[in-house]
Amino acid sequence: MWDVIFVIVTAGIAWHGLTYRSADGDRPIGHLLFGSIALLFCLRVLFVDILDVM
């Protein structure tokens, strides 16, 4: 139950971090960095804890 909630929340954070653009159209490096870290944790919990792939 908590793993699914964690995956949903981190997927949302990753989506926001990787698709965010400032008013100028630039992508801030902080958003890209933390978005990619959130995506890494999201996929790790999804594959290891929920799907038992590894």
PDB file of N, CA and C in Angstrom:
ATOM      1  N   MET A   1       0.820  -1.194   0.000  1.00  0.00           N
ATOM      2  CA  MET A   1       0.000   0.000   0.000  1.00  0.00           C
ATOM      3  C   MET A   1       0.871   1.268   0.000  1.00  0.00           C
ATOM      4  N   TRP A   2       1.824   1.338   0.940  1.00  0.00           N
ATOM      5  CA  TRP A   2       2.679   2.520   1.012  1.00  0.00           C
ATOM      6  C   TRP A   2       3.614   2.607  -0.177  1.00  0.00           C
ATOM      7  N   ASP A   3       4.000   1.461  -0.726  1.00  0.00           N
ATOM      8  CA  ASP A   3       4.876   1.478  -1.900  1.00  0.00           C
ATOM      9  C   ASP A   3       4.168   2.100  -3.101  1.00  0.00           C
ATOM     10  N   VAL A   4       2.902   1.790  -3.259  1.00  0.00           N
ATOM     11  CA  VAL A   4       2.142   2.345  -4.382  1.00  0.00           C
ATOM     12  C   VAL A   4       1.992   3.854  -4.224  1.00  0.00           C
ATOM     13  N   ILE A   5       1.713   4.308  -3.017  1.00  0.00           N
ATOM     14  CA  ILE A   5       1.603   5.750  -2.763  1.00  0.00           C
ATOM     15  C   ILE A   5       2.944   6.429  -3.029  1.00  0.00           C
ATOM     16  N   PHE A   6       4.034   5.806  -2.589  1.00  0.00           N
ATOM     17  CA  PHE A   6       5.375   6.361  -2.816  1.00  0.00           C
ATOM     18  C   PHE A   6       5.670   6.475  -4.303  1.00  0.00           C
ATOM     19  N   VAL A   7       5.313   5.451  -5.082  1.00  0.00           N
ATOM     20  CA  VAL A   7       5.558   5.478  -6.527  1.00  0.00           C
ATOM     21  C   VAL A   7       4.741   6.584  -7.184  1.00  0.00           C
ATOM     22  N   ILE A   8       3.502   6.761  -6.787  1.00  0.00           N
ATOM     23  CA  ILE A   8       2.658   7.798  -7.374  1.00  0.00           C
ATOM     24  C   ILE A   8       3.198   9.191  -7.053  1.00  0.00           C
ATOM     25  N   VAL A   9       3.592   9.406  -5.812  1.00  0.00           N
ATOM     26  CA  VAL A   9       4.111  10.722  -5.412  1.00  0.00           C
ATOM     27  C   VAL A   9       5.426  11.021  -6.105  1.00  0.00           C
ATOM     28  N   THR A  10       6.351  10.069  -6.119  1.00  0.00           N
ATOM     29  CA  THR A  10       7.639  10.331  -6.765  1.00  0.00           C
ATOM     30  C   THR A  10       7.495  10.448  -8.283  1.00  0.00           C
ATOM     31  N   ALA A  11       6.541   9.754  -8.872  1.00  0.00           N
ATOM     32  CA  ALA A  11       6.289   9.918 -10.310  1.00  0.00           C
ATOM     33  C   ALA A  11       5.786  11.324 -10.601  1.00  0.00           C
ATOM     34  N   GLY A  12       4.938  11.853  -9.732  1.00  0.00           N
ATOM     35  CA  GLY A  12       4.465  13.225  -9.903  1.00  0.00           C
ATOM     36  C   GLY A  12       5.585  14.235  -9.760  1.00  0.00           C
ATOM     37  N   ILE A  13       6.456  14.010  -8.787  1.00  0.00           N
ATOM     38  CA  ILE A  13       7.600  14.906  -8.597  1.00  0.00           C
ATOM     39  C   ILE A  13       8.533  14.826  -9.807  1.00  0.00           C
ATOM     40  N   ALA A  14       8.769  13.618 -10.297  1.00  0.00           N
ATOM     41  CA  ALA A  14       9.636  13.448 -11.466  1.00  0.00           C
ATOM     42  C   ALA A  14       9.026  14.120 -12.694  1.00  0.00           C
ATOM     43  N   TRP A  15       7.729  13.947 -12.891  1.00  0.00           N
ATOM     44  CA  TRP A  15       7.051  14.561 -14.039  1.00  0.00           C
ATOM     45  C   TRP A  15       7.179  16.088 -13.978  1.00  0.00           C
ATOM     46  N   HIS A  16       6.921  16.643 -12.805  1.00  0.00           N
ATOM     47  CA  HIS A  16       7.018  18.099 -12.658  1.00  0.00           C
ATOM     48  C   HIS A  16       8.458  18.575 -12.867  1.00  0.00           C
ATOM     49  N   GLY A  17       9.407  17.878 -12.284  1.00  0.00           N
ATOM     50  CA  GLY A  17      10.798  18.298 -12.388  1.00  0.00           C
ATOM     51  C   GLY A  17      11.346  18.203 -13.792  1.00  0.00           C
ATOM     52  N   LEU A  18      10.927  17.202 -14.546  1.00  0.00           N
ATOM     53  CA  LEU A  18      11.486  17.005 -15.881  1.00  0.00           C
ATOM     54  C   LEU A  18      10.757  17.794 -16.966  1.00  0.00           C
ATOM     55  N   THR A  19       9.524  18.213 -16.708  1.00  0.00           N
ATOM     56  CA  THR A  19       8.776  18.945 -17.731  1.00  0.00           C
ATOM     57  C   THR A  19       8.626  20.423 -17.419  1.00  0.00           C
ATOM     58  N   TYR A  20       9.129  20.897 -16.277  1.00  0.00           N
ATOM     59  CA  TYR A  20       8.975  22.296 -15.876  1.00  0.00           C
ATOM     60  C   TYR A  20       9.807  23.215 -16.758  1.00  0.00           C
ATOM     61  N   ARG A  21       9.221  24.336 -17.120  1.00  0.00           N
ATOM     62  CA  ARG A  21       9.939  25.400 -17.826  1.00  0.00           C
ATOM     63  C   ARG A  21       9.634  26.720 -17.133  1.00  0.00           C
ATOM     64  N   SER A  22      10.635  27.560 -17.049  1.00  0.00           N
ATOM     65  CA  SER A  22      10.437  28.875 -16.440  1.00  0.00           C
ATOM     66  C   SER A  22       9.690  29.783 -17.422  1.00  0.00           C
ATOM     67  N   ALA A  23       9.433  30.999 -17.008  1.00  0.00           N
ATOM     68  CA  ALA A  23       8.710  31.943 -17.868  1.00  0.00           C
ATOM     69  C   ALA A  23       9.493  32.255 -19.143  1.00  0.00           C
ATOM     70  N   ASP A  24      10.810  32.155 -19.077  1.00  0.00           N
ATOM     71  CA  ASP A  24      11.647  32.408 -20.257  1.00  0.00           C
ATOM     72  C   ASP A  24      11.730  31.206 -21.193  1.00  0.00           C
ATOM     73  N   GLY A  25      11.235  30.077 -20.761  1.00  0.00           N
ATOM     74  CA  GLY A  25      11.315  28.863 -21.568  1.00  0.00           C
ATOM     75  C   GLY A  25      12.516  28.008 -21.243  1.00  0.00           C
ATOM     76  N   ASP A  26      13.304  28.420 -20.246  1.00  0.00           N
ATOM     77  CA  ASP A  26      14.483  27.646 -19.854  1.00  0.00           C
ATOM     78  C   ASP A  26      14.090  26.532 -18.892  1.00  0.00           C
ATOM     79  N   ARG A  27      14.930  25.514 -18.817  1.00  0.00           N
ATOM     80  CA  ARG A  27      14.745  24.435 -17.856  1.00  0.00           C
ATOM     81  C   ARG A  27      15.813  24.567 -16.776  1.00  0.00           C
ATOM     82  N   PRO A  28      15.424  24.948 -15.555  1.00  0.00           N
ATOM     83  CA  PRO A  28      16.417  25.102 -14.486  1.00  0.00           C
ATOM     84  C   PRO A  28      17.080  23.771 -14.145  1.00  0.00           C
ATOM     85  N   ILE A  29      18.370  23.816 -13.891  1.00  0.00           N
ATOM     86  CA  ILE A  29      19.137  22.601 -13.629  1.00  0.00           C
ATOM     87  C   ILE A  29      18.673  21.915 -12.353  1.00  0.00           C
ATOM     88  N   GLY A  30      18.198  22.679 -11.377  1.00  0.00           N
ATOM     89  CA  GLY A  30      17.718  22.085 -10.132  1.00  0.00           C
ATOM     90  C   GLY A  30      16.491  21.222 -10.343  1.00  0.00           C
ATOM     91  N   HIS A  31      15.575  21.680 -11.194  1.00  0.00           N
ATOM     92  CA  HIS A  31      14.385  20.890 -11.484  1.00  0.00           C
ATOM     93  C   HIS A  31      14.754  19.599 -12.210  1.00  0.00           C
ATOM     94  N   LEU A  32      15.662  19.695 -13.161  1.00  0.00           N
ATOM     95  CA  LEU A  32      16.080  18.498 -13.892  1.00  0.00           C
ATOM     96  C   LEU A  32      16.806  17.509 -12.989  1.00  0.00           C
ATOM     97  N   LEU A  33      17.638  18.021 -12.099  1.00  0.00           N
ATOM     98  CA  LEU A  33      18.392  17.158 -11.193  1.00  0.00           C
ATOM     99  C   LEU A  33      17.453  16.400 -10.256  1.00  0.00           C
ATOM    100  N   PHE A  34      16.585  17.128  -9.554  1.00  0.00           N
ATOM    101  CA  PHE A  34      15.714  16.474  -8.596  1.00  0.00           C
ATOM    102  C   PHE A  34      14.620  15.664  -9.276  1.00  0.00           C
ATOM    103  N   GLY A  35      14.227  16.047 -10.483  1.00  0.00           N
ATOM    104  CA  GLY A  35      13.277  15.240 -11.241  1.00  0.00           C
ATOM    105  C   GLY A  35      13.870  13.898 -11.642  1.00  0.00           C
ATOM    106  N   SER A  36      15.125  13.899 -12.047  1.00  0.00           N
ATOM    107  CA  SER A  36      15.767  12.636 -12.421  1.00  0.00           C
ATOM    108  C   SER A  36      16.035  11.754 -11.202  1.00  0.00           C
ATOM    109  N   ILE A  37      16.350  12.354 -10.063  1.00  0.00           N
ATOM    110  CA  ILE A  37      16.532  11.574  -8.837  1.00  0.00           C
ATOM    111  C   ILE A  37      15.209  10.956  -8.410  1.00  0.00           C
ATOM    112  N   ALA A  38      14.119  11.729  -8.495  1.00  0.00           N
ATOM    113  CA  ALA A  38      12.797  11.199  -8.148  1.00  0.00           C
ATOM    114  C   ALA A  38      12.405  10.069  -9.088  1.00  0.00           C
ATOM    115  N   LEU A  39      12.724  10.196 -10.374  1.00  0.00           N
ATOM    116  CA  LEU A  39      12.422   9.131 -11.330  1.00  0.00           C
ATOM    117  C   LEU A  39      13.202   7.862 -11.007  1.00  0.00           C
ATOM    118  N   LEU A  40      14.451   8.014 -10.603  1.00  0.00           N
ATOM    119  CA  LEU A  40      15.268   6.868 -10.221  1.00  0.00           C
ATOM    120  C   LEU A  40      14.656   6.120  -9.042  1.00  0.00           C
ATOM    121  N   PHE A  41      14.263   6.843  -7.995  1.00  0.00           N
ATOM    122  CA  PHE A  41      13.645   6.212  -6.832  1.00  0.00           C
ATOM    123  C   PHE A  41      12.291   5.593  -7.185  1.00  0.00           C
ATOM    124  N   CYS A  42      11.527   6.282  -8.031  1.00  0.00           N
ATOM    125  CA  CYS A  42      10.220   5.770  -8.452  1.00  0.00           C
ATOM    126  C   CYS A  42      10.368   4.422  -9.159  1.00  0.00           C
ATOM    127  N   LEU A  43      11.275   4.352 -10.115  1.00  0.00           N
ATOM    128  CA  LEU A  43      11.468   3.109 -10.858  1.00  0.00           C
ATOM    129  C   LEU A  43      12.063   2.012  -9.995  1.00  0.00           C
ATOM    130  N   ARG A  44      12.933   2.375  -9.055  1.00  0.00           N
ATOM    131  CA  ARG A  44      13.524   1.379  -8.166  1.00  0.00           C
ATOM    132  C   ARG A  44      12.460   0.722  -7.293  1.00  0.00           C
ATOM    133  N   VAL A  45      11.604   1.521  -6.687  1.00  0.00           N
ATOM    134  CA  VAL A  45      10.548   0.964  -5.833  1.00  0.00           C
ATOM    135  C   VAL A  45       9.545   0.184  -6.675  1.00  0.00           C
ATOM    136  N   LEU A  46       9.225   0.678  -7.865  1.00  0.00           N
ATOM    137  CA  LEU A  46       8.276  -0.023  -8.735  1.00  0.00           C
ATOM    138  C   LEU A  46       8.784  -1.405  -9.122  1.00  0.00           C
ATOM    139  N   PHE A  47      10.019  -1.493  -9.598  1.00  0.00           N
ATOM    140  CA  PHE A  47      10.528  -2.769 -10.091  1.00  0.00           C
ATOM    141  C   PHE A  47      10.966  -3.719  -8.973  1.00  0.00           C
ATOM    142  N   VAL A  48      11.573  -3.209  -7.919  1.00  0.00           N
ATOM    143  CA  VAL A  48      12.113  -4.080  -6.874  1.00  0.00           C
ATOM    144  C   VAL A  48      11.064  -4.447  -5.835  1.00  0.00           C
ATOM    145  N   ASP A  49      10.318  -3.464  -5.346  1.00  0.00           N
ATOM    146  CA  ASP A  49       9.403  -3.721  -4.243  1.00  0.00           C
ATOM    147  C   ASP A  49       8.010  -4.143  -4.693  1.00  0.00           C
ATOM    148  N   ILE A  50       7.494  -3.573  -5.781  1.00  0.00           N
ATOM    149  CA  ILE A  50       6.133  -3.881  -6.188  1.00  0.00           C
ATOM    150  C   ILE A  50       6.101  -5.047  -7.171  1.00  0.00           C
ATOM    151  N   LEU A  51       6.896  -5.000  -8.220  1.00  0.00           N
ATOM    152  CA  LEU A  51       6.848  -6.032  -9.262  1.00  0.00           C
ATOM    153  C   LEU A  51       7.773  -7.215  -8.994  1.00  0.00           C
ATOM    154  N   ASP A  52       8.662  -7.108  -8.049  1.00  0.00           N
ATOM    155  CA  ASP A  52       9.636  -8.173  -7.699  1.00  0.00           C
ATOM    156  C   ASP A  52      10.417  -8.652  -8.912  1.00  0.00           C
ATOM    157  N   VAL A  53      10.890  -7.729  -9.719  1.00  0.00           N
ATOM    158  CA  VAL A  53      11.666  -8.088 -10.908  1.00  0.00           C
ATOM    159  C   VAL A  53      13.063  -8.542 -10.513  1.00  0.00           C
ATOM    160  N   MET A  54      13.659  -7.872  -9.556  1.00  0.00           N
ATOM    161  CA  MET A  54      15.022  -8.223  -9.142  1.00  0.00           C
ATOM    162  C   MET A  54      15.008  -8.862  -7.782  1.00  0.00           C
TER     163      MET A  54
END
